[in-house]
């Protein structure tokens, strides 16, 4: 009988040494909450100075304090080795790239347990070299890719296809929401975006699109939530384009749902995007979406169904998509409703957690010999 059929109670160690890394924290907490509800035993190894540590304490999650400054920082290895040997875990799940490298130094038993699982969240290409093959093909048993594109990039870098499982990230649906957003105003529509102010998020293209739309005479306001190293440069662009009355920088927003209530259209013009949890949240709030055709955004946004996809870096196309949604409010509202349904059916935290649990069981059913083939 397989482990899955047995419904066996699992003992899982999660490793996430990042201090502050945005939406990924919610994925880890959601997974742990689900597994705990199903009766599995969980512990999280993490940096005690990070935001996730306090959230874990509030939820009553058992923690193991560790510090990992970068991929070559091995200070946590002796502590983790002792802990894994003593506690005899079924699964050790590494949730960030900084944690992945630790798997090279952690112990195995002859039986093959614990099984090592890593989650790959970014859509940057992996290098096809000895390190990638050692890490993903020999030292870990399974690789969770949060989008199809990430799975493709891993395979292109030489990661064995059988090791990879695509499991999309998920969100908690907002309460008392049926996916019906407010009508988009044809005069004075509000476009919003949320994310760190970094080059990879492509805010500059949104500002360039805003300048194009203003020149065309379309009245639109923009609300930008987030903070980061590009903040000053983006404010300079706003002044240079004469957009100071149209664009509002909000800084970090801790209540994404309240922010989404204030906008009509959500835009994410990223150059790279693992999946795009902010887009999922916008869809769950019934907002039509304009996004770049990159990474995992093509998994959630179906072009001309629940949003519009444009090529990354194409400010003119971005402006055209925004104009279309502003000028066709019935289309915008229909896309918002379809987006809500797509998230409800495919991108919830529960679906994400169920898929991870099933992957754990599948890995435990493999023999040590199968793992090394």
Foldseek 3Di string as FASTA:
>chain_A
DFPVVVLDAFEEEEEDADADDPPLLVLVVLLVVLSVVSPHHYEYEYACNHPSNVVCVVVVHHYHYDHQDALPRCPCQVVQQVVCVVVVGQEYEYEDPSRLSSLVRHDADQFGPNAYEYEDQWLDADAQDPVLCCRQQPRHQAYEQQAVSSLVSSVVSPHDNVRYDYFHAFAAQDPPAQLFADFAALAAAEEEEEDAPDVQQQVVLVLVLVLVCVVVVGHYAYEYEHYYDCVVVVVVSCVVSVNPVRYDYDYHDPDLLVVLNVHAAYEGLGNIGSACVSLLRNLSNLFEYEYEPYHNPCVQDPDLQLYHYDHRPPSNVVSVRVNVCSVDRVSRNRSSSVSSVSSVVGHHSNSSSVVVVVVSSVSSRDGPVNSND
